[in-house]
N, C-alpha and C. Protein backbone atom coordinates (compact mmCIF):
# COMPACT_ATOMS: atom_id res chain seq x y z
N MET A 1 0.82 -1.19 0.00
CA MET A 1 0.01 0.01 0.00
C MET A 1 0.86 1.27 0.01
N ILE A 2 1.91 1.29 0.86
CA ILE A 2 2.78 2.47 0.93
C ILE A 2 3.54 2.62 -0.38
N ARG A 3 4.00 1.49 -0.95
CA ARG A 3 4.72 1.57 -2.26
C ARG A 3 3.81 2.17 -3.32
N GLN A 4 2.58 1.80 -3.30
CA GLN A 4 1.62 2.33 -4.27
C GLN A 4 1.48 3.85 -4.13
N GLN A 5 1.44 4.34 -2.93
CA GLN A 5 1.30 5.78 -2.69
C GLN A 5 2.56 6.53 -3.06
N ILE A 6 3.72 5.91 -2.75
CA ILE A 6 5.00 6.51 -3.15
C ILE A 6 5.08 6.58 -4.66
N MET A 7 4.65 5.52 -5.32
CA MET A 7 4.64 5.49 -6.77
C MET A 7 3.73 6.61 -7.33
N LEU A 8 2.57 6.77 -6.71
CA LEU A 8 1.62 7.81 -7.13
C LEU A 8 2.24 9.21 -6.99
N VAL A 9 2.89 9.48 -5.88
CA VAL A 9 3.52 10.77 -5.69
C VAL A 9 4.65 10.98 -6.70
N THR A 10 5.47 10.00 -6.92
CA THR A 10 6.61 10.08 -7.83
C THR A 10 6.11 10.30 -9.26
N VAL A 11 5.15 9.54 -9.66
CA VAL A 11 4.62 9.67 -11.02
C VAL A 11 3.93 11.02 -11.18
N SER A 12 3.20 11.47 -10.17
CA SER A 12 2.53 12.76 -10.24
C SER A 12 3.57 13.91 -10.40
N PHE A 13 4.64 13.82 -9.63
CA PHE A 13 5.69 14.82 -9.70
C PHE A 13 6.34 14.83 -11.09
N ALA A 14 6.67 13.66 -11.60
CA ALA A 14 7.29 13.54 -12.93
C ALA A 14 6.30 14.00 -14.02
N LEU A 15 5.05 13.68 -13.86
CA LEU A 15 4.04 14.11 -14.85
C LEU A 15 3.92 15.62 -14.85
N GLY A 16 3.98 16.23 -13.67
CA GLY A 16 3.94 17.69 -13.61
C GLY A 16 5.08 18.34 -14.36
N MET A 17 6.28 17.81 -14.18
CA MET A 17 7.44 18.35 -14.88
C MET A 17 7.32 18.11 -16.39
N THR A 18 6.86 16.94 -16.75
CA THR A 18 6.71 16.59 -18.16
C THR A 18 5.69 17.46 -18.88
N VAL A 19 4.56 17.71 -18.22
CA VAL A 19 3.54 18.49 -18.88
C VAL A 19 3.95 19.92 -19.10
N VAL A 20 4.70 20.50 -18.17
CA VAL A 20 5.20 21.86 -18.39
C VAL A 20 6.21 21.89 -19.53
N PHE A 21 7.10 20.91 -19.58
CA PHE A 21 8.07 20.83 -20.69
C PHE A 21 7.32 20.72 -22.04
N LEU A 22 6.33 19.84 -22.12
CA LEU A 22 5.60 19.68 -23.36
C LEU A 22 4.82 20.92 -23.73
N TYR A 23 4.30 21.61 -22.73
CA TYR A 23 3.57 22.84 -23.02
C TYR A 23 4.52 23.90 -23.55
N GLU A 24 5.73 23.97 -22.99
CA GLU A 24 6.73 24.88 -23.52
C GLU A 24 7.03 24.58 -24.98
N LEU A 25 7.15 23.32 -25.33
CA LEU A 25 7.37 22.94 -26.71
C LEU A 25 6.20 23.34 -27.58
N LEU A 26 4.98 23.19 -27.08
CA LEU A 26 3.79 23.60 -27.82
C LEU A 26 3.80 25.07 -28.08
N ILE A 27 4.21 25.88 -27.08
CA ILE A 27 4.30 27.33 -27.26
C ILE A 27 5.29 27.67 -28.37
N ILE A 28 6.43 26.99 -28.36
CA ILE A 28 7.46 27.25 -29.39
C ILE A 28 6.95 26.89 -30.77
N ILE A 29 6.29 25.74 -30.86
CA ILE A 29 5.73 25.31 -32.16
C ILE A 29 4.70 26.30 -32.65
N ARG A 30 3.85 26.80 -31.74
CA ARG A 30 2.85 27.78 -32.13
C ARG A 30 3.48 29.05 -32.63
N GLU A 31 4.59 29.46 -32.00
CA GLU A 31 5.27 30.68 -32.45
C GLU A 31 5.92 30.47 -33.81
N ILE A 32 6.47 29.29 -34.04
CA ILE A 32 7.07 29.00 -35.34
C ILE A 32 6.01 28.99 -36.44
N LEU A 33 4.89 28.38 -36.18
CA LEU A 33 3.84 28.28 -37.19
C LEU A 33 2.95 29.50 -37.26
N GLY A 34 3.07 30.39 -36.31
CA GLY A 34 2.30 31.65 -36.33
C GLY A 34 0.81 31.43 -36.16
N PHE A 35 0.44 30.65 -35.17
CA PHE A 35 -1.00 30.39 -34.91
C PHE A 35 -1.70 31.67 -34.47
N GLY A 36 -2.94 31.81 -34.92
CA GLY A 36 -3.79 32.92 -34.48
C GLY A 36 -4.47 32.54 -33.16
N ARG A 37 -5.36 33.41 -32.71
CA ARG A 37 -6.05 33.18 -31.44
C ARG A 37 -6.88 31.92 -31.42
N VAL A 38 -7.57 31.65 -32.50
CA VAL A 38 -8.44 30.49 -32.54
C VAL A 38 -7.63 29.19 -32.49
N MET A 39 -6.55 29.12 -33.26
CA MET A 39 -5.71 27.92 -33.26
C MET A 39 -4.99 27.76 -31.92
N ARG A 40 -4.56 28.87 -31.31
CA ARG A 40 -3.96 28.78 -30.01
C ARG A 40 -4.96 28.24 -28.99
N GLY A 41 -6.17 28.69 -29.03
CA GLY A 41 -7.20 28.21 -28.14
C GLY A 41 -7.50 26.74 -28.35
N LEU A 42 -7.56 26.34 -29.63
CA LEU A 42 -7.83 24.96 -29.96
C LEU A 42 -6.68 24.04 -29.49
N THR A 43 -5.45 24.47 -29.75
CA THR A 43 -4.30 23.62 -29.33
C THR A 43 -4.23 23.57 -27.80
N ASP A 44 -4.53 24.69 -27.12
CA ASP A 44 -4.56 24.65 -25.65
C ASP A 44 -5.62 23.68 -25.16
N PHE A 45 -6.81 23.76 -25.75
CA PHE A 45 -7.89 22.87 -25.33
C PHE A 45 -7.51 21.42 -25.53
N LEU A 46 -6.97 21.09 -26.70
CA LEU A 46 -6.58 19.70 -26.99
C LEU A 46 -5.45 19.24 -26.09
N PHE A 47 -4.49 20.13 -25.83
CA PHE A 47 -3.36 19.77 -24.98
C PHE A 47 -3.84 19.45 -23.55
N TRP A 48 -4.62 20.34 -22.96
CA TRP A 48 -5.06 20.13 -21.59
C TRP A 48 -6.06 19.03 -21.45
N GLU A 49 -6.89 18.81 -22.45
CA GLU A 49 -7.78 17.64 -22.42
C GLU A 49 -7.00 16.35 -22.48
N SER A 50 -5.97 16.30 -23.31
CA SER A 50 -5.10 15.12 -23.41
C SER A 50 -4.38 14.87 -22.06
N PHE A 51 -3.92 15.97 -21.47
CA PHE A 51 -3.24 15.84 -20.16
C PHE A 51 -4.24 15.32 -19.13
N ALA A 52 -5.45 15.80 -19.12
CA ALA A 52 -6.44 15.34 -18.15
C ALA A 52 -6.73 13.86 -18.32
N ILE A 53 -6.85 13.39 -19.54
CA ILE A 53 -7.10 11.99 -19.81
C ILE A 53 -5.93 11.14 -19.34
N ILE A 54 -4.70 11.57 -19.65
CA ILE A 54 -3.53 10.83 -19.19
C ILE A 54 -3.45 10.80 -17.67
N LEU A 55 -3.72 11.92 -17.04
CA LEU A 55 -3.73 11.98 -15.59
C LEU A 55 -4.79 11.04 -14.99
N PHE A 56 -5.94 11.01 -15.61
CA PHE A 56 -6.99 10.11 -15.13
C PHE A 56 -6.55 8.64 -15.26
N ILE A 57 -6.00 8.28 -16.40
CA ILE A 57 -5.55 6.91 -16.61
C ILE A 57 -4.47 6.51 -15.59
N ILE A 58 -3.51 7.42 -15.37
CA ILE A 58 -2.47 7.11 -14.42
C ILE A 58 -3.04 6.98 -13.01
N THR A 59 -3.88 7.91 -12.62
CA THR A 59 -4.50 7.82 -11.28
C THR A 59 -5.34 6.54 -11.13
N TYR A 60 -6.04 6.19 -12.17
CA TYR A 60 -6.88 4.99 -12.10
C TYR A 60 -6.03 3.73 -12.00
N ARG A 61 -4.99 3.67 -12.76
CA ARG A 61 -4.12 2.46 -12.75
C ARG A 61 -3.32 2.32 -11.45
N ILE A 62 -2.77 3.42 -10.96
CA ILE A 62 -1.93 3.33 -9.78
C ILE A 62 -2.77 3.29 -8.50
N ASN A 63 -3.83 4.12 -8.43
CA ASN A 63 -4.53 4.32 -7.19
C ASN A 63 -6.03 4.04 -7.27
N GLU A 64 -6.43 3.24 -8.25
CA GLU A 64 -7.82 2.87 -8.46
C GLU A 64 -8.73 4.05 -8.59
N GLY A 65 -8.21 5.15 -9.15
CA GLY A 65 -9.03 6.33 -9.40
C GLY A 65 -9.26 7.24 -8.23
N ILE A 66 -8.70 6.91 -7.09
CA ILE A 66 -8.87 7.75 -5.88
C ILE A 66 -7.92 8.92 -5.97
N ILE A 67 -8.45 10.11 -5.88
CA ILE A 67 -7.63 11.33 -5.95
C ILE A 67 -7.14 11.64 -4.56
N ARG A 68 -5.84 11.79 -4.45
CA ARG A 68 -5.21 12.10 -3.17
C ARG A 68 -4.65 13.49 -3.23
N GLY A 69 -4.84 14.24 -2.15
CA GLY A 69 -4.36 15.62 -2.08
C GLY A 69 -2.85 15.71 -2.28
N TYR A 70 -2.13 14.81 -1.68
CA TYR A 70 -0.67 14.85 -1.80
C TYR A 70 -0.20 14.52 -3.25
N ALA A 71 -0.98 13.76 -3.99
CA ALA A 71 -0.64 13.50 -5.38
C ALA A 71 -0.86 14.75 -6.22
N VAL A 72 -1.95 15.48 -5.93
CA VAL A 72 -2.22 16.74 -6.62
C VAL A 72 -1.15 17.74 -6.26
N ALA A 73 -0.77 17.78 -5.00
CA ALA A 73 0.32 18.69 -4.59
C ALA A 73 1.64 18.33 -5.29
N ALA A 74 1.92 17.03 -5.40
CA ALA A 74 3.16 16.62 -6.08
C ALA A 74 3.11 17.02 -7.57
N LEU A 75 1.98 16.89 -8.18
CA LEU A 75 1.78 17.29 -9.58
C LEU A 75 2.11 18.78 -9.76
N PHE A 76 1.49 19.61 -8.92
CA PHE A 76 1.69 21.04 -9.03
C PHE A 76 3.11 21.44 -8.64
N PHE A 77 3.69 20.74 -7.65
CA PHE A 77 5.06 21.02 -7.25
C PHE A 77 6.03 20.69 -8.37
N GLY A 78 5.76 19.57 -9.08
CA GLY A 78 6.58 19.22 -10.26
C GLY A 78 6.45 20.25 -11.34
N MET A 79 5.25 20.73 -11.57
CA MET A 79 5.02 21.76 -12.58
C MET A 79 5.79 23.05 -12.20
N LEU A 80 5.68 23.43 -10.94
CA LEU A 80 6.31 24.64 -10.49
C LEU A 80 7.84 24.51 -10.49
N LEU A 81 8.30 23.36 -10.04
CA LEU A 81 9.76 23.15 -9.98
C LEU A 81 10.38 23.17 -11.36
N PHE A 82 9.69 22.67 -12.36
CA PHE A 82 10.23 22.72 -13.73
C PHE A 82 10.14 24.13 -14.27
N TRP A 83 8.97 24.77 -14.09
CA TRP A 83 8.75 26.09 -14.71
C TRP A 83 9.67 27.14 -14.13
N TRP A 84 9.79 27.19 -12.83
CA TRP A 84 10.49 28.29 -12.20
C TRP A 84 11.98 28.34 -12.57
N PRO A 85 12.74 27.28 -12.33
CA PRO A 85 14.18 27.44 -12.67
C PRO A 85 14.52 27.09 -14.12
N VAL A 86 13.75 26.24 -14.74
CA VAL A 86 14.12 25.71 -16.06
C VAL A 86 13.22 26.26 -17.18
N GLY A 87 11.95 26.11 -17.00
CA GLY A 87 11.00 26.41 -18.10
C GLY A 87 11.05 27.84 -18.59
N SER A 88 11.08 28.79 -17.68
CA SER A 88 11.07 30.18 -18.12
C SER A 88 12.34 30.51 -18.89
N ARG A 89 13.47 29.97 -18.48
CA ARG A 89 14.74 30.19 -19.23
C ARG A 89 14.72 29.48 -20.55
N PHE A 90 14.16 28.27 -20.54
CA PHE A 90 14.07 27.45 -21.77
C PHE A 90 13.25 28.23 -22.83
N LEU A 91 12.11 28.76 -22.42
CA LEU A 91 11.27 29.50 -23.34
C LEU A 91 11.95 30.77 -23.85
N ALA A 92 12.59 31.50 -22.94
CA ALA A 92 13.28 32.72 -23.32
C ALA A 92 14.42 32.41 -24.29
N GLY A 93 15.17 31.36 -24.05
CA GLY A 93 16.25 30.96 -24.93
C GLY A 93 15.73 30.50 -26.30
N ALA A 94 14.66 29.79 -26.29
CA ALA A 94 14.06 29.35 -27.54
C ALA A 94 13.57 30.52 -28.38
N ARG A 95 12.98 31.49 -27.73
CA ARG A 95 12.50 32.71 -28.44
C ARG A 95 13.66 33.47 -29.03
N LYS A 96 14.79 33.60 -28.30
CA LYS A 96 15.95 34.28 -28.86
C LYS A 96 16.50 33.54 -30.05
N LEU A 97 16.54 32.21 -29.94
CA LEU A 97 17.04 31.40 -31.07
C LEU A 97 16.13 31.54 -32.27
N LEU A 98 14.81 31.51 -32.07
CA LEU A 98 13.87 31.70 -33.16
C LEU A 98 14.03 33.06 -33.82
N LYS A 99 14.25 34.07 -33.04
CA LYS A 99 14.44 35.42 -33.57
C LYS A 99 15.69 35.46 -34.44
N LYS A 100 16.78 34.83 -34.02
CA LYS A 100 17.99 34.81 -34.79
C LYS A 100 17.78 34.03 -36.09
N ILE A 101 17.07 32.91 -36.02
CA ILE A 101 16.81 32.08 -37.19
C ILE A 101 15.96 32.87 -38.18
N ARG A 102 14.93 33.54 -37.72
CA ARG A 102 14.06 34.35 -38.61
C ARG A 102 14.86 35.44 -39.27
N ARG A 103 15.74 36.10 -38.52
CA ARG A 103 16.56 37.19 -39.06
C ARG A 103 17.49 36.63 -40.15
N TRP A 104 18.13 35.48 -39.88
CA TRP A 104 19.04 34.85 -40.84
C TRP A 104 18.30 34.47 -42.10
N VAL A 105 17.10 33.87 -41.96
CA VAL A 105 16.34 33.46 -43.13
C VAL A 105 15.91 34.72 -43.93
N THR A 106 15.47 35.77 -43.25
CA THR A 106 15.07 36.98 -43.95
C THR A 106 16.22 37.57 -44.71
N ILE A 107 17.39 37.67 -44.08
CA ILE A 107 18.57 38.24 -44.75
C ILE A 107 18.91 37.43 -45.98
N ASN A 108 18.95 36.12 -45.87
CA ASN A 108 19.30 35.26 -46.98
C ASN A 108 18.26 35.25 -48.08
N LEU A 109 17.00 35.37 -47.72
CA LEU A 109 15.96 35.50 -48.75
C LEU A 109 16.10 36.78 -49.53
N GLU A 110 16.46 37.85 -48.85
CA GLU A 110 16.70 39.12 -49.52
C GLU A 110 17.87 38.98 -50.51
N LYS A 111 18.92 38.31 -50.10
CA LYS A 111 20.06 38.10 -51.02
C LYS A 111 19.65 37.31 -52.22
N VAL A 112 18.84 36.28 -52.06
CA VAL A 112 18.36 35.49 -53.19
C VAL A 112 17.49 36.32 -54.09
N ARG A 113 16.60 37.13 -53.52
CA ARG A 113 15.70 37.99 -54.31
C ARG A 113 16.51 38.99 -55.16
N THR A 114 17.52 39.59 -54.55
CA THR A 114 18.31 40.59 -55.31
C THR A 114 19.08 39.92 -56.44
N ARG A 115 19.50 38.69 -56.28
CA ARG A 115 20.25 37.99 -57.33
C ARG A 115 19.31 37.66 -58.50
N PHE A 116 18.05 37.31 -58.18
CA PHE A 116 17.13 36.94 -59.22
C PHE A 116 16.59 38.19 -59.91
N LYS A 117 16.63 39.34 -59.32
CA LYS A 117 16.16 40.57 -59.94
C LYS A 117 17.11 41.05 -61.01
N ARG A 118 18.33 40.67 -60.99
CA ARG A 118 19.32 41.12 -61.97
C ARG A 118 19.06 40.61 -63.32
């Protein structure tokens, strides 16, 4: 019984960290593809619905569907622990990299356009 609860807390914590990491990747993908408000809303809805289903399946398999407060706390602590020291820097670094890539592509496209205009 104790092992089962320890497993639940550990998995909840890891799931919290994983979901924040995946959401950061989703944000980056949306910025690359230039999603509008509707697509951002749709991807958010699908992402969080998928997360809820995965969370339900894990809770059901490990703890027979019983929701424990400490498992919820571990989930949120995992989310916070990833976001605060890692996630915010990861997103800022990815945005800087995307900006540099966009600038490089724009400059090189201009070079190609000027060569073809001759």
